[in-house]
Protein backbone atom coordinates (compact mmCIF):
# COMPACT_ATOMS: atom_id res chain seq x y z
CA MET A 1 -62.20 -47.84 -63.41
CA VAL A 2 -65.07 -48.61 -61.60
CA ARG A 3 -63.12 -49.99 -58.50
CA SER A 4 -60.55 -48.06 -57.98
CA SER A 5 -63.17 -45.41 -57.65
CA SER A 6 -64.80 -46.61 -55.17
CA LEU A 7 -61.98 -47.26 -53.66
CA ARG A 8 -60.92 -43.32 -53.33
CA THR A 9 -64.93 -42.63 -52.37
CA ALA A 10 -64.08 -44.45 -49.33
CA ARG A 11 -60.87 -43.58 -48.12
CA HIS A 12 -62.31 -39.76 -48.80
CA PHE A 13 -65.45 -41.18 -45.94
CA LEU A 14 -63.05 -42.46 -43.65
CA ARG A 15 -61.08 -38.81 -43.78
CA LYS A 16 -63.78 -37.05 -43.81
CA HIS A 17 -65.72 -39.10 -40.97
CA ARG A 18 -63.35 -41.31 -38.53
CA LYS A 19 -62.34 -39.43 -35.40
CA TRP A 20 -58.47 -40.53 -35.02
CA PRO A 21 -56.96 -40.68 -31.79
CA HIS A 22 -54.28 -37.83 -31.07
CA LEU A 23 -51.09 -38.88 -31.07
CA PRO A 24 -49.14 -38.48 -27.64
CA PHE A 25 -46.76 -35.88 -28.90
CA ASN A 26 -49.60 -34.13 -29.93
CA ILE A 27 -50.83 -34.20 -26.57
CA LYS A 28 -47.39 -32.79 -24.60
CA TRP A 29 -47.35 -30.03 -27.11
CA GLN A 30 -49.85 -29.00 -26.50
CA LEU A 31 -49.87 -29.36 -22.81
CA THR A 32 -46.46 -27.21 -23.21
CA SER A 33 -47.64 -24.67 -24.95
CA LYS A 34 -50.21 -23.84 -22.95
CA GLN A 35 -48.19 -24.24 -19.53
CA GLN A 36 -45.62 -21.37 -22.10
CA GLU A 37 -48.87 -19.07 -22.32
CA ALA A 38 -49.41 -19.49 -19.02
CA PHE A 39 -45.62 -18.47 -17.74
CA GLN A 40 -45.36 -16.10 -19.87
CA ASN A 41 -48.95 -15.01 -18.34
CA LEU A 42 -47.26 -15.12 -14.66
CA LYS A 43 -44.04 -12.87 -15.93
CA GLU A 44 -46.28 -10.06 -17.25
CA ALA A 45 -47.75 -10.07 -14.03
CA ALA A 46 -45.11 -10.07 -12.30
CA ARG A 47 -43.80 -7.32 -14.01
CA ALA A 48 -46.89 -5.70 -12.97
CA SER A 49 -46.55 -6.12 -9.29
CA SER A 50 -43.21 -4.84 -9.50
CA SER A 51 -44.62 -1.18 -10.27
CA SER A 52 -47.29 -0.97 -8.16
CA LEU A 53 -48.21 -1.89 -4.67
CA GLN A 54 -50.95 -4.41 -5.77
CA HIS A 55 -48.86 -7.87 -3.96
CA ARG A 56 -48.34 -5.44 -1.13
CA GLN A 57 -52.46 -5.45 -0.50
CA GLU A 58 -52.43 -9.48 -0.31
CA THR A 59 -52.92 -11.31 2.64
CA PRO A 60 -49.32 -12.95 4.17
CA ASN A 61 -50.94 -16.23 2.89
CA LYS A 62 -50.70 -16.11 -0.13
CA PRO A 63 -48.92 -13.17 -1.98
CA TYR A 64 -49.04 -11.76 -5.12
CA LEU A 65 -46.70 -13.59 -6.79
CA LEU A 66 -48.51 -17.13 -5.97
CA SER A 67 -52.03 -16.19 -6.48
CA SER A 68 -51.12 -15.00 -10.01
CA LEU A 69 -49.13 -18.16 -10.59
CA ILE A 70 -52.32 -20.56 -9.64
CA HIS A 71 -54.59 -17.84 -11.78
CA SER A 72 -52.69 -17.58 -14.77
CA PHE A 73 -51.84 -21.84 -14.93
CA SER A 74 -55.47 -22.32 -14.60
CA ILE A 75 -56.61 -19.93 -16.65
CA TYR A 76 -54.87 -21.83 -19.24
CA ASP A 77 -56.47 -26.00 -17.46
CA CYS A 78 -52.75 -27.03 -16.60
CA GLU A 79 -51.01 -27.58 -13.95
CA PRO A 80 -47.98 -25.33 -12.61
CA THR A 81 -44.56 -26.39 -13.72
CA PRO A 82 -40.90 -26.23 -11.69
CA ARG A 83 -39.77 -23.48 -13.66
CA ALA A 84 -42.72 -21.28 -12.89
CA TYR A 85 -41.97 -22.14 -9.06
CA HIS A 86 -38.47 -20.85 -9.86
CA PHE A 87 -39.63 -17.99 -11.03
CA ILE A 88 -41.62 -16.14 -8.27
CA LEU A 89 -38.83 -17.93 -5.87
CA LYS A 90 -36.05 -15.82 -7.67
CA THR A 91 -38.65 -12.79 -7.83
CA LEU A 92 -38.68 -12.65 -4.33
CA SER A 93 -35.63 -13.34 -3.09
CA LYS A 94 -33.96 -10.49 -5.79
CA THR A 95 -36.81 -8.35 -4.18
CA SER A 96 -35.75 -8.44 -1.02
CA GLN A 97 -38.88 -9.96 -0.62
CA LEU A 98 -38.12 -13.38 1.44
CA HIS A 99 -41.17 -12.80 4.21
CA GLN A 100 -43.70 -13.66 1.32
CA ILE A 101 -41.32 -16.93 0.19
CA PRO A 102 -42.79 -19.39 2.91
CA PRO A 103 -46.28 -19.57 1.88
CA VAL A 104 -44.85 -20.47 -1.40
CA LEU A 105 -42.88 -23.22 -0.05
CA ASP A 106 -45.94 -24.22 1.82
CA HIS A 107 -48.35 -24.34 -1.51
CA LEU A 108 -45.45 -26.45 -3.41
CA GLU A 109 -45.51 -28.81 -0.81
CA LYS A 110 -48.78 -29.18 0.32
CA VAL A 111 -50.63 -28.85 -3.10
CA GLU A 112 -48.21 -29.39 -6.17
CA LYS A 113 -47.42 -33.34 -6.93
CA PHE A 114 -44.15 -33.00 -9.23
CA ASP A 115 -41.19 -34.04 -8.24
CA THR A 116 -39.10 -30.36 -7.30
CA PRO A 117 -35.53 -30.14 -8.62
CA GLU A 118 -33.09 -29.92 -5.97
CA PHE A 119 -31.58 -26.99 -8.10
CA ILE A 120 -34.23 -24.62 -7.09
CA LEU A 121 -34.45 -25.73 -3.18
CA ALA A 122 -30.71 -25.54 -3.46
CA HIS A 123 -30.71 -21.54 -4.69
CA LEU A 124 -33.09 -20.80 -2.12
CA ILE A 125 -30.65 -22.21 0.31
CA GLU A 126 -27.85 -19.85 -0.83
CA VAL A 127 -30.52 -17.31 -1.00
CA TYR A 128 -30.95 -17.26 2.80
CA GLY A 129 -27.19 -17.46 3.37
CA ASN A 130 -26.47 -14.89 1.66
CA ALA A 131 -29.60 -12.82 4.03
CA ASN A 132 -27.52 -14.04 6.87
CA GLU A 133 -31.29 -16.51 7.35
CA ILE A 134 -28.59 -19.55 8.46
CA GLN A 135 -31.58 -21.39 10.53
CA LYS A 136 -34.23 -21.07 7.71
CA ALA A 137 -31.24 -22.55 5.36
CA VAL A 138 -30.70 -25.78 7.23
CA GLU A 139 -34.56 -26.06 8.39
CA LEU A 140 -35.09 -26.01 4.24
CA PHE A 141 -31.99 -28.62 4.38
CA TYR A 142 -34.04 -31.52 6.16
CA ARG A 143 -37.65 -30.14 4.44
CA LEU A 144 -36.02 -31.24 1.38
CA PRO A 145 -37.98 -34.76 1.42
CA LYS A 146 -41.51 -32.94 2.17
CA PHE A 147 -41.08 -31.80 -1.74
CA ARG A 148 -40.19 -35.46 -3.56
CA CYS A 149 -37.11 -34.09 -3.47
CA VAL A 150 -34.16 -36.80 -3.03
CA PRO A 151 -31.46 -34.26 -1.45
CA SER A 152 -27.56 -35.23 -2.34
CA VAL A 153 -24.21 -34.06 -2.19
CA TYR A 154 -25.30 -30.94 -4.52
CA SER A 155 -27.76 -29.49 -2.03
CA LEU A 156 -25.63 -30.64 1.12
CA ASN A 157 -22.51 -29.06 -0.31
CA THR A 158 -24.58 -25.52 -0.58
CA LEU A 159 -25.36 -25.24 2.56
CA LEU A 160 -21.97 -26.11 3.86
CA SER A 161 -20.36 -23.49 1.76
CA VAL A 162 -23.28 -21.24 3.89
CA LEU A 163 -22.55 -22.13 7.29
CA CYS A 164 -18.60 -22.33 6.67
CA ARG A 165 -19.27 -18.31 5.72
CA THR A 166 -19.02 -18.52 9.48
CA SER A 167 -17.69 -19.74 12.67
CA GLU A 168 -21.09 -19.84 14.57
CA GLY A 169 -22.17 -21.62 10.95
CA LEU A 170 -19.11 -24.24 11.19
CA LYS A 171 -20.49 -25.02 15.09
CA MET A 172 -23.47 -26.67 13.32
CA VAL A 173 -21.17 -28.37 10.23
CA PRO A 174 -21.25 -31.85 12.31
CA GLU A 175 -24.91 -31.85 13.09
CA ILE A 176 -25.77 -31.36 9.49
CA LEU A 177 -23.11 -34.23 8.54
CA LEU A 178 -24.75 -36.81 10.72
CA LYS A 179 -28.02 -36.37 9.82
CA SER A 180 -27.29 -36.32 6.12
CA ARG A 181 -26.16 -39.87 6.21
CA ALA A 182 -29.69 -40.75 7.56
CA VAL A 183 -31.24 -39.67 4.73
CA ASN A 184 -28.78 -41.56 2.56
CA VAL A 185 -26.71 -38.73 1.65
CA ARG A 186 -22.76 -39.36 1.24
CA VAL A 187 -20.51 -36.55 1.74
CA GLU A 188 -17.73 -36.11 -1.06
CA GLU A 189 -14.59 -35.20 -2.00
CA SER A 190 -16.01 -31.93 -3.22
CA SER A 191 -17.47 -31.97 0.45
CA PHE A 192 -14.57 -32.56 2.74
CA ARG A 193 -12.38 -29.72 0.32
CA LEU A 194 -15.40 -27.49 1.33
CA LEU A 195 -14.56 -28.11 5.27
CA ILE A 196 -11.00 -27.83 4.86
CA SER A 197 -10.84 -24.97 3.23
CA ALA A 198 -13.44 -23.08 5.71
CA LEU A 199 -10.96 -24.23 9.00
CA CYS A 200 -8.46 -23.00 7.37
CA ARG A 201 -9.37 -20.00 6.23
CA ILE A 202 -10.40 -19.54 9.64
CA LYS A 203 -6.97 -20.48 11.09
CA LYS A 204 -8.15 -23.94 12.98
CA VAL A 205 -5.64 -25.66 10.64
CA GLY A 206 -5.61 -28.20 13.61
CA PHE A 207 -9.54 -29.30 12.66
CA ALA A 208 -8.81 -29.15 8.63
CA VAL A 209 -6.14 -31.80 9.15
CA GLU A 210 -8.23 -34.02 11.23
CA ILE A 211 -11.15 -33.79 8.78
CA PHE A 212 -8.08 -34.54 6.08
CA LYS A 213 -7.53 -37.74 7.78
CA CYS A 214 -10.76 -38.78 7.95
CA MET A 215 -10.91 -38.14 3.96
CA ILE A 216 -8.27 -40.16 3.68
CA ASN A 217 -9.66 -42.73 5.90
CA ASP A 218 -12.40 -42.99 3.84
CA GLY A 219 -11.21 -43.87 0.99
CA PHE A 220 -10.62 -40.76 -1.39
CA ASN A 221 -7.14 -40.11 -2.81
CA VAL A 222 -5.41 -37.69 -1.89
CA ASP A 223 -5.94 -33.95 -3.71
CA THR A 224 -3.03 -32.59 -4.06
CA ASP A 225 -4.84 -28.57 -3.98
CA ILE A 226 -5.74 -30.10 -0.73
CA CYS A 227 -2.95 -30.64 0.30
CA SER A 228 -0.67 -27.63 -0.79
CA MET A 229 -4.34 -25.58 0.92
CA LEU A 230 -3.24 -27.24 4.41
CA LEU A 231 0.53 -26.94 3.80
CA SER A 232 0.46 -23.42 3.41
CA SER A 233 -2.33 -22.78 6.01
CA LEU A 234 0.44 -24.31 8.26
CA CYS A 235 3.17 -22.40 7.61
CA GLU A 236 1.51 -19.41 8.61
CA GLN A 237 0.70 -20.80 12.26
CA ALA A 238 2.93 -18.76 14.43
CA ASP A 239 2.65 -21.15 17.20
CA ILE A 240 4.29 -24.16 15.03
CA CYS A 241 7.92 -25.43 15.17
CA GLY A 242 9.36 -26.39 11.81
CA VAL A 243 9.59 -30.05 13.17
CA GLU A 244 5.63 -30.37 13.10
CA VAL A 245 5.87 -29.10 9.57
CA MET A 246 8.42 -31.25 8.32
CA ARG A 247 6.79 -33.79 9.61
CA PHE A 248 3.56 -32.97 8.21
CA LEU A 249 5.18 -32.84 5.05
CA GLY A 250 6.78 -36.28 5.26
CA GLU A 251 3.28 -37.93 6.12
CA LEU A 252 1.96 -35.97 2.91
CA ARG A 253 5.21 -37.78 0.48
CA LYS A 254 3.58 -41.03 2.35
CA LEU A 255 0.37 -40.84 0.68
CA GLY A 256 1.18 -39.77 -2.58
CA PHE A 257 1.31 -35.46 -2.80
CA CYS A 258 4.78 -34.55 -5.09
CA PRO A 259 5.64 -30.53 -3.69
CA GLY A 260 5.08 -28.34 -6.35
CA MET A 261 7.32 -25.03 -6.25
CA VAL A 262 4.97 -23.09 -4.62
CA ASP A 263 4.78 -26.03 -1.80
CA TYR A 264 8.74 -26.11 -1.87
CA THR A 265 9.19 -22.12 -1.24
CA ASN A 266 6.21 -21.08 1.75
CA VAL A 267 8.05 -24.38 3.41
CA ILE A 268 11.71 -22.50 2.90
CA ARG A 269 9.87 -19.16 3.47
CA PHE A 270 8.45 -20.59 6.90
CA LEU A 271 11.75 -22.35 8.48
CA VAL A 272 13.68 -19.05 7.55
CA ARG A 273 11.46 -17.24 8.99
CA GLU A 274 11.92 -19.61 12.02
CA GLY A 275 16.01 -19.10 11.73
CA LYS A 276 15.81 -22.75 10.61
CA GLY A 277 18.53 -22.02 7.45
CA ALA A 278 19.87 -25.83 7.92
CA ASP A 279 16.36 -27.25 7.45
CA ALA A 280 15.87 -24.73 4.35
CA LEU A 281 18.89 -26.48 3.03
CA GLY A 282 17.58 -28.84 2.82
CA VAL A 283 14.46 -28.70 1.69
CA LEU A 284 16.15 -26.53 -0.99
CA ASN A 285 18.17 -29.92 -2.42
CA GLN A 286 14.94 -31.94 -1.56
CA MET A 287 13.16 -29.45 -4.86
CA LYS A 288 16.59 -30.73 -6.95
CA SER A 289 16.07 -34.32 -6.20
CA ASP A 290 12.98 -34.15 -7.10
CA GLY A 291 13.09 -32.54 -10.56
CA ILE A 292 11.79 -29.33 -9.51
CA LYS A 293 14.92 -26.50 -10.93
CA PRO A 294 14.38 -23.36 -7.41
CA ASP A 295 13.94 -20.22 -9.07
CA ILE A 296 15.83 -17.05 -7.55
CA VAL A 297 13.24 -16.37 -4.97
CA CYS A 298 13.64 -19.69 -3.34
CA TYR A 299 18.17 -19.31 -3.55
CA ASN A 300 17.18 -15.39 -1.79
CA MET A 301 15.27 -16.87 1.09
CA VAL A 302 17.82 -19.42 1.55
CA LEU A 303 20.84 -16.64 1.58
CA ASN A 304 18.93 -14.96 3.86
CA GLY A 305 18.20 -17.75 6.57
CA PHE A 306 22.34 -18.22 6.48
CA ILE A 307 23.22 -14.99 6.83
CA ALA A 308 21.18 -13.78 9.22
CA SER A 309 22.45 -17.25 11.30
CA GLY A 310 26.18 -16.10 9.85
CA PHE A 311 26.99 -18.96 8.20
CA TYR A 312 28.78 -16.21 5.29
CA SER A 313 30.42 -19.15 3.58
CA LYS A 314 27.45 -20.83 3.31
CA ALA A 315 26.04 -18.17 1.44
CA ASP A 316 28.57 -17.80 -0.71
CA GLU A 317 28.55 -21.58 -1.53
CA LEU A 318 24.62 -20.79 -2.68
CA PHE A 319 25.46 -17.15 -4.38
CA ASP A 320 27.86 -19.44 -6.46
CA GLU A 321 25.91 -22.77 -6.64
CA LEU A 322 22.93 -19.89 -7.97
CA LEU A 323 25.16 -18.82 -10.84
CA VAL A 324 25.99 -22.01 -12.15
CA PHE A 325 22.47 -23.22 -12.23
CA GLY A 326 22.05 -20.31 -14.61
CA LEU A 327 19.79 -18.08 -12.68
CA VAL A 328 20.06 -13.99 -12.46
CA PRO A 329 20.68 -12.43 -9.31
CA ASP A 330 18.18 -9.81 -8.75
CA VAL A 331 17.91 -6.72 -6.58
CA TYR A 332 16.88 -8.23 -3.62
CA THR A 333 19.59 -11.41 -3.99
CA TYR A 334 22.39 -8.77 -4.60
CA ASN A 335 21.03 -6.93 -1.06
CA VAL A 336 21.29 -10.46 0.83
CA TYR A 337 25.02 -10.77 -0.51
CA ILE A 338 25.68 -6.85 0.07
CA ASP A 339 24.02 -7.53 3.75
CA ALA A 340 26.41 -10.13 4.17
CA LEU A 341 29.90 -8.04 3.28
CA CYS A 342 28.38 -4.99 5.53
CA LYS A 343 28.00 -7.70 8.42
CA GLN A 344 31.52 -8.75 7.71
CA ASN A 345 32.84 -5.47 7.81
CA ASN A 346 33.77 -5.42 4.46
CA VAL A 347 32.10 -2.51 3.17
CA GLU A 348 34.50 -1.80 0.37
CA GLU A 349 33.71 -5.31 -1.51
CA GLY A 350 29.91 -4.39 -0.82
CA ILE A 351 30.06 -0.44 -3.12
CA LYS A 352 32.34 -2.77 -5.48
CA MET A 353 29.45 -5.22 -5.59
CA ALA A 354 26.75 -2.34 -6.01
CA ALA A 355 28.68 -0.96 -8.86
CA SER A 356 28.80 -4.69 -10.41
CA MET A 357 24.98 -4.53 -10.39
CA GLU A 358 24.74 -1.73 -11.89
CA GLU A 359 27.19 -2.81 -15.15
CA LEU A 360 25.23 -6.27 -15.03
CA GLY A 361 21.53 -3.93 -15.64
CA CYS A 362 19.82 -4.23 -11.52
CA LYS A 363 20.06 -0.69 -10.21
CA PRO A 364 20.39 -0.75 -6.59
CA ASN A 365 18.11 0.72 -4.43
CA LEU A 366 17.18 2.64 -1.44
CA ASN A 367 17.93 -0.65 0.39
CA THR A 368 20.96 -1.09 -0.70
CA TYR A 369 22.22 2.32 -0.22
CA ASN A 370 20.98 2.11 3.58
CA MET A 371 22.63 -0.82 3.82
CA LEU A 372 26.33 0.41 2.93
CA LEU A 373 25.45 3.88 4.34
CA GLU A 374 25.16 2.03 8.03
CA ALA A 375 27.79 -0.04 7.39
CA LEU A 376 30.38 2.42 6.68
CA TYR A 377 29.05 5.01 9.50
CA ASN A 378 29.15 2.12 11.90
CA SER A 379 32.80 1.96 10.61
CA GLY A 380 33.68 5.57 11.26
CA GLU A 381 34.09 5.89 7.22
CA LEU A 382 31.72 9.72 7.68
CA SER A 383 33.41 10.97 4.79
CA LYS A 384 32.90 8.27 2.36
CA ALA A 385 29.43 8.10 3.48
CA ARG A 386 29.10 11.89 2.36
CA ASP A 387 30.27 10.72 -0.98
CA LEU A 388 28.12 7.87 -1.60
CA VAL A 389 24.99 10.00 -0.24
CA ARG A 390 26.50 12.62 -3.22
CA GLU A 391 26.37 9.70 -5.65
CA MET A 392 22.76 9.13 -4.35
CA SER A 393 21.67 12.66 -4.56
CA SER A 394 23.33 12.77 -8.56
CA LYS A 395 21.64 9.71 -10.09
CA GLY A 396 17.78 10.94 -8.71
CA ILE A 397 17.72 8.32 -5.86
CA GLY A 398 15.75 10.42 -2.62
CA LEU A 399 16.54 10.15 0.78
CA SER A 400 13.68 8.27 2.79
CA MET A 401 12.71 8.86 6.29
CA GLN A 402 14.66 5.24 7.05
CA THR A 403 17.98 6.60 5.56
CA TYR A 404 18.25 10.08 7.81
CA LYS A 405 17.69 7.64 10.24
CA VAL A 406 20.86 6.15 9.46
CA MET A 407 22.87 9.15 9.28
CA ILE A 408 21.97 10.32 12.14
CA ASP A 409 22.34 8.10 14.52
CA GLY A 410 25.77 7.40 12.55
CA LEU A 411 26.17 11.63 13.24
CA ILE A 412 25.22 10.89 17.14
CA ASN A 413 27.17 7.63 17.40
CA SER A 414 30.86 9.58 15.83
CA GLY A 415 29.81 12.66 17.91
CA LYS A 416 28.67 14.76 15.10
CA LEU A 417 25.96 15.87 16.92
CA ILE A 418 25.65 19.75 15.64
CA GLU A 419 25.56 18.12 11.57
CA ALA A 420 23.00 15.16 13.00
CA CYS A 421 21.02 18.52 14.22
CA ALA A 422 21.24 20.04 10.81
CA LEU A 423 20.42 16.74 8.64
CA LEU A 424 17.13 16.72 11.51
CA GLU A 425 16.26 20.16 10.26
CA GLU A 426 16.70 19.16 7.12
CA GLU A 427 14.36 16.03 6.76
CA LEU A 428 11.80 17.99 8.50
CA ASP A 429 12.29 21.19 5.70
CA LYS A 430 11.46 17.85 3.35
CA GLY A 431 8.16 17.59 5.30
CA LEU A 432 9.36 14.09 7.14
CA CYS A 433 8.59 13.26 10.10
CA PRO A 434 11.36 11.03 11.93
CA GLN A 435 10.70 9.11 14.69
CA SER A 436 10.67 10.69 18.55
CA LEU A 437 13.45 8.74 19.81
CA THR A 438 15.40 10.14 17.12
CA PHE A 439 14.74 13.54 19.10
CA ASP A 440 15.07 12.68 21.80
CA GLU A 441 19.00 11.68 20.79
CA ILE A 442 20.11 14.91 19.90
CA ILE A 443 17.71 17.17 21.72
CA CYS A 444 19.18 15.91 25.17
CA GLY A 445 22.89 15.83 22.92
CA LEU A 446 22.23 19.10 22.67
CA CYS A 447 21.74 19.93 26.84
CA GLU A 448 25.28 18.59 27.56
CA LEU A 449 26.75 20.59 25.01
CA GLY A 450 24.93 23.33 26.78
CA LEU A 451 23.03 24.19 23.65
CA ILE A 452 19.57 25.31 25.27
CA CYS A 453 18.25 27.58 23.28
CA LYS A 454 19.22 25.41 19.97
CA ALA A 455 17.38 22.52 21.45
CA LEU A 456 13.84 24.44 22.53
CA GLU A 457 14.02 25.58 19.16
CA LEU A 458 13.92 22.24 17.76
CA LEU A 459 11.79 20.94 20.62
CA GLU A 460 9.27 23.50 19.52
CA LYS A 461 9.36 21.90 15.75
CA MET A 462 9.35 18.68 17.15
CA VAL A 463 5.57 19.41 19.20
CA ASN A 464 4.87 20.92 15.90
CA LYS A 465 5.32 17.63 14.28
CA ASN A 466 2.89 16.37 16.85
CA VAL A 467 5.72 13.91 18.16
CA SER A 468 5.70 14.33 22.32
CA PRO A 469 8.56 14.38 23.68
CA GLY A 470 10.08 11.44 25.93
CA VAL A 471 10.84 12.79 29.39
CA ARG A 472 14.74 12.34 29.69
CA VAL A 473 13.88 15.55 27.00
CA TRP A 474 12.75 17.80 30.07
CA GLU A 475 14.84 16.19 32.45
CA ALA A 476 17.95 16.81 29.68
CA LEU A 477 16.46 20.54 29.63
CA LEU A 478 16.20 21.47 33.22
CA LEU A 479 19.65 20.11 34.28
CA GLY A 480 21.31 21.60 31.13
CA SER A 481 20.37 24.96 32.13
CA GLN A 482 20.86 27.76 33.93
CA ILE A 483 17.34 28.52 35.84
CA ASN A 484 16.27 32.20 35.00
CA ILE A 485 13.49 33.57 33.54
CA SER A 486 13.38 33.59 29.86
CA PHE A 487 13.89 29.59 30.28
CA ILE A 488 11.27 29.35 32.68
CA GLU A 489 8.87 31.43 29.79
CA ASP A 490 10.88 29.64 27.18
CA ILE A 491 9.87 26.55 28.39
CA GLY A 492 5.96 27.66 29.28
CA LEU A 493 5.63 28.28 25.60
CA VAL A 494 6.73 25.21 24.27
CA ASP A 495 4.25 23.11 26.84
CA SER A 496 1.63 24.87 26.14
CA LYS A 497 1.86 24.12 22.61
CA LEU A 498 2.32 20.95 23.10
CA ASN A 499 -0.69 20.99 25.22
CA SER A 500 -2.55 22.42 22.81
CA SER A 501 -1.44 19.82 20.10
CA THR A 502 -2.38 16.83 22.04
CA LEU A 503 -5.29 17.56 24.03
CA PRO A 504 -8.30 16.72 22.68
CA GLU A 505 -10.48 19.49 21.39
CA PRO A 506 -13.71 20.01 24.29
């Protein structure tokens, strides 16, 4: 018992008087706690400064937030943290005080000892870019090692994204890439993607293709998104031919690129626009060989290409083929097919097709009726054209400017000038404004018939719509009239209205 009591006494003495060393995690916890309290103190100082002008009274070499940072951490006897510097840099950028950032960076570079996290400086590069301070963004990138920060592709891409926003910035990219290699920053696939995207955006597709070739030569894998972007941009170019597009598509396929529906659609659209209907059909067949089922949009474009080129029999085959494939024709498909029938002077079949559309649940639109009307007027079937207009009215389909133009031109060509004039006045009463050429045709026709007063009435309405008559209108009025006082007065009245409506106010 005595021995046991002696042990208890000895342990009690050791616990009471021995100075145990602090464990490392305790020191770290205390330090973190102090830094946290200092950071909270800094945030409070920042809030106070935002509601006062105190920070504006400080010297430029030591802005208020920097002074607050130094003071906050000194009173807690600890070193400032990267988080604290990130906070004041974000605060200065959010409050548009970029002029106070350089002193903070100088202090971070020359006084602090910690390795500055790259994301802090990359964020500042982006801030400078958003403020259009491109040169400062570039200088900061070159300065990264001075902050004890090893630059990587992360900061490089941040700078590239800033430079790629403008043509001026893009001119600086080659130098940036060369200098980045000197500091062992390797350009990665993400960097190539940035550059290619920027070049495509500003229509420098040729340069984008060269960058893509460099990417492949550097051993990077073929990226589907980049290939699609390049192909799409190439198809939007106005100064490129179908042969070049098809050659580029072939090169991509050799590299392992498998075009998708969108890619094939872009190529087909381009070829049809260039009048290469046969090549567009070849791409359509290639889609099927690749196991991609063309949609109705692809068939519509190829159909349109063949009809525009006059290959109507091939258009019939394509129409039958899409039905066999189980595709449902839309209104555009029917319109393309009806257009082909009308161009072959087979208007009756076109009208029947329009009726079939409705039976199949696809209502004809205004373009459908405009095509049929134009074909009827061109073939001289005015009675059927009037019946079709009445049908449109019964279905609640209003006449557009294009519809009136088709009807008026058709009546003029058929010698029905008075009816065309009445139709023009109806159009004006509805608040629509025809083209100047339509007015000119009717006014000249009225003058040839000796209907000068009617021509002048129409001319006055034309001027009231701020539509300027052509020279041939005045010539027709003079040639087709008997020169008398009343006519000259009428001409003067219209001329004064025309001048008052066209001349700018003093």
